[in-house]
C-alpha atoms as a PDB file:
ATOM      1  CA  MET A   1     -33.615 -51.663  29.022  1.00  0.00           C
ATOM      2  CA  LEU A   2     -34.255 -49.035  31.689  1.00  0.00           C
ATOM      3  CA  GLN A   3     -32.189 -46.549  29.720  1.00  0.00           C
ATOM      4  CA  GLU A   4     -34.338 -47.140  26.678  1.00  0.00           C
ATOM      5  CA  LEU A   5     -37.465 -46.380  28.683  1.00  0.00           C
ATOM      6  CA  GLN A   6     -35.997 -43.356  30.474  1.00  0.00           C
ATOM      7  CA  PRO A   7     -37.227 -40.750  27.932  1.00  0.00           C
ATOM      8  CA  TYR A   8     -40.677 -42.292  28.054  1.00  0.00           C
ATOM      9  CA  LEU A   9     -40.651 -42.398  31.849  1.00  0.00           C
ATOM     10  CA  SER A  10     -39.552 -38.755  31.993  1.00  0.00           C
ATOM     11  CA  ALA A  11     -42.345 -37.774  29.628  1.00  0.00           C
ATOM     12  CA  LEU A  12     -44.816 -39.831  31.684  1.00  0.00           C
ATOM     13  CA  ILE A  13     -43.656 -38.227  34.938  1.00  0.00           C
ATOM     14  CA  ALA A  14     -43.870 -34.755  33.366  1.00  0.00           C
ATOM     15  CA  THR A  15     -47.354 -35.523  32.043  1.00  0.00           C
ATOM     16  CA  VAL A  16     -48.497 -36.797  35.435  1.00  0.00           C
ATOM     17  CA  ALA A  17     -47.016 -33.726  37.148  1.00  0.00           C
ATOM     18  CA  LEU A  18     -48.769 -31.468  34.663  1.00  0.00           C
ATOM     19  CA  ALA A  19     -52.069 -33.294  35.190  1.00  0.00           C
ATOM     20  CA  VAL A  20     -51.688 -33.045  38.973  1.00  0.00           C
ATOM     21  CA  SER A  21     -50.949 -29.307  38.780  1.00  0.00           C
ATOM     22  CA  ILE A  22     -53.937 -28.720  36.456  1.00  0.00           C
ATOM     23  CA  ILE A  23     -56.242 -30.692  38.742  1.00  0.00           C
ATOM     24  CA  THR A  24     -54.911 -28.878  41.804  1.00  0.00           C
ATOM     25  CA  ALA A  25     -55.296 -25.492  40.111  1.00  0.00           C
ATOM     26  CA  SER A  26     -58.808 -26.288  38.954  1.00  0.00           C
ATOM     27  CA  LYS A  27     -59.726 -27.520  42.453  1.00  0.00           C
ATOM     28  CA  LYS A  28     -58.367 -24.272  43.931  1.00  0.00           C
ATOM     29  CA  ALA A  29     -60.291 -22.248  41.349  1.00  0.00           C
ATOM     30  CA  LEU A  30     -63.385 -24.298  42.099  1.00  0.00           C
ATOM     31  CA  ARG A  31     -62.900 -23.772  45.856  1.00  0.00           C
ATOM     32  CA  ASP A  32     -62.496 -20.035  45.294  1.00  0.00           C
ATOM     33  CA  LYS A  33     -65.615 -19.946  43.143  1.00  0.00           C
ATOM     34  CA  MET A  34     -67.552 -21.944  45.741  1.00  0.00           C
ATOM     35  CA  ARG A  35     -66.383 -19.576  48.476  1.00  0.00           C
ATOM     36  CA  TRP A  36     -67.461 -16.586  46.361  1.00  0.00           C
ATOM     37  CA  LEU A  37     -70.855 -18.205  45.731  1.00  0.00           C
ATOM     38  CA  ALA A  38     -71.298 -18.980  49.438  1.00  0.00           C
ATOM     39  CA  ASP A  39     -70.524 -15.351  50.316  1.00  0.00           C
ATOM     40  CA  ARG A  40     -72.945 -14.160  47.660  1.00  0.00           C
ATOM     41  CA  ILE A  41     -75.660 -16.483  48.982  1.00  0.00           C
ATOM     42  CA  ASP A  42     -75.101 -15.109  52.498  1.00  0.00           C
ATOM     43  CA  VAL A  43     -75.547 -11.559  51.227  1.00  0.00           C
ATOM     44  CA  LEU A  44     -78.729 -12.525  49.343  1.00  0.00           C
ATOM     45  CA  GLU A  45     -80.109 -14.335  52.400  1.00  0.00           C
ATOM     46  CA  ASP A  46     -79.536 -11.187  54.489  1.00  0.00           C
ATOM     47  CA  ARG A  47     -81.310  -9.063  51.893  1.00  0.00           C
ATOM     48  CA  CYS A  48     -84.198 -11.537  51.690  1.00  0.00           C
ATOM     49  CA  THR A  49     -84.550 -11.529  55.481  1.00  0.00           C
ATOM     50  CA  LYS A  50     -84.693  -7.712  55.516  1.00  0.00           C
ATOM     51  CA  ILE A  51     -87.308  -7.690  52.760  1.00  0.00           C
ATOM     52  CA  GLU A  52     -89.414 -10.289  54.573  1.00  0.00           C
ATOM     53  CA  GLY A  53     -89.205  -8.201  57.754  1.00  0.00           C
ATOM     54  CA  THR A  54     -90.362  -5.119  55.884  1.00  0.00           C
ATOM     55  CA  LEU A  55     -93.202  -6.950  54.141  1.00  0.00           C
ATOM     56  CA  ALA A  56     -94.389  -8.433  57.425  1.00  0.00           C
ATOM     57  CA  HIS A  57     -95.299  -4.932  58.641  1.00  0.00           C
ATOM     58  CA  LEU A  58     -97.254  -3.952  55.533  1.00  0.00           C
ATOM     59  CA  PRO A  59    -101.018  -4.384  55.460  1.00  0.00           C
ATOM     60  CA  ASP A  60    -102.393  -7.406  53.651  1.00  0.00           C
ATOM     61  CA  LYS A  61    -105.036  -7.370  50.896  1.00  0.00           C
ATOM     62  CA  ASP A  62    -107.972  -7.420  53.327  1.00  0.00           C
ATOM     63  CA  SER A  63    -106.556  -4.609  55.472  1.00  0.00           C
ATOM     64  CA  THR A  64    -105.933  -2.499  52.394  1.00  0.00           C
ATOM     65  CA  HIS A  65    -109.508  -3.075  51.228  1.00  0.00           C
ATOM     66  CA  ARG A  66    -110.852  -2.052  54.631  1.00  0.00           C
ATOM     67  CA  LEU A  67    -108.726   1.111  54.518  1.00  0.00           C
ATOM     68  CA  GLU A  68    -109.998   1.951  51.030  1.00  0.00           C
ATOM     69  CA  THR A  69    -113.585   1.463  52.185  1.00  0.00           C
ATOM     70  CA  ALA A  70    -113.037   3.653  55.251  1.00  0.00           C
ATOM     71  CA  VAL A  71    -111.476   6.417  53.145  1.00  0.00           C
ATOM     72  CA  THR A  72    -114.418   6.300  50.722  1.00  0.00           C
ATOM     73  CA  GLU A  73    -116.857   6.595  53.630  1.00  0.00           C
ATOM     74  CA  LEU A  74    -114.908   9.535  55.048  1.00  0.00           C
ATOM     75  CA  GLN A  75    -114.971  11.283  51.669  1.00  0.00           C
ATOM     76  CA  GLY A  76    -118.736  10.907  51.573  1.00  0.00           C
ATOM     77  CA  GLN A  77    -119.088  12.287  55.105  1.00  0.00           C
ATOM     78  CA  ILE A  78    -116.833  15.228  54.278  1.00  0.00           C
ATOM     79  CA  ASN A  79    -118.949  16.027  51.211  1.00  0.00           C
ATOM     80  CA  VAL A  80    -122.105  16.010  53.360  1.00  0.00           C
ATOM     81  CA  ILE A  81    -120.489  18.294  55.935  1.00  0.00           C
ATOM     82  CA  ALA A  82    -119.301  20.642  53.186  1.00  0.00           C
ATOM     83  CA  GLU A  83    -122.871  20.936  51.866  1.00  0.00           C
ATOM     84  CA  ARG A  84    -124.184  21.637  55.360  1.00  0.00           C
ATOM     85  CA  VAL A  85    -121.554  24.326  55.979  1.00  0.00           C
ATOM     86  CA  LYS A  86    -122.366  26.280  52.790  1.00  0.00           C
ATOM     87  CA  PRO A  87    -125.492  27.959  54.276  1.00  0.00           C
ATOM     88  CA  ILE A  88    -123.537  28.868  57.405  1.00  0.00           C
ATOM     89  CA  SER A  89    -120.851  30.403  55.225  1.00  0.00           C
ATOM     90  CA  SER A  90    -123.364  32.479  53.296  1.00  0.00           C
ATOM     91  CA  ILE A  91    -124.949  33.675  56.577  1.00  0.00           C
ATOM     92  CA  ALA A  92    -121.493  34.706  57.803  1.00  0.00           C
ATOM     93  CA  ASP A  93    -120.861  36.591  54.549  1.00  0.00           C
ATOM     94  CA  ARG A  94    -124.170  38.453  54.795  1.00  0.00           C
ATOM     95  CA  LEU A  95    -123.532  39.274  58.458  1.00  0.00           C
ATOM     96  CA  GLN A  96    -120.095  40.627  57.598  1.00  0.00           C
ATOM     97  CA  GLU A  97    -121.553  42.806  54.819  1.00  0.00           C
ATOM     98  CA  PHE A  98    -124.269  44.070  57.190  1.00  0.00           C
ATOM     99  CA  LEU A  99    -121.698  44.954  59.838  1.00  0.00           C
ATOM    100  CA  LEU A 100    -119.478  46.731  57.275  1.00  0.00           C
ATOM    101  CA  GLU A 101    -122.439  48.752  55.981  1.00  0.00           C
ATOM    102  CA  LYS A 102    -123.462  49.617  59.536  1.00  0.00           C
ATOM    103  CA  ALA A 103    -119.900  50.723  60.308  1.00  0.00           C
ATOM    104  CA  ARG A 104    -119.802  52.919  57.168  1.00  0.00           C
ATOM    105  CA  SER A 105    -123.151  54.548  57.952  1.00  0.00           C
ATOM    106  CA  SER A 106    -122.163  55.376  61.534  1.00  0.00           C
END
């Protein structure tokens, strides 16, 4: 009776061995994939930490608004100063022309 079952037992053993090797191979592939994913996550965490560090030093919305307001005020003050300097510039031009004419006539 055992001899009659021997081909079936051999096929069963071969099938079990094949199943074990497939499961083992898929577990190894899964472990390799998990290791790759863990490494990738580590790299992304490092990048995220660097980005957070960089963003921490940037001004926030309120600081940026204050800077914009200060720049606008400075532009206005510069325009006022430029208008006040125009008469001084024209006086300097006239004085230079007067001195050149005086130098030519001498």
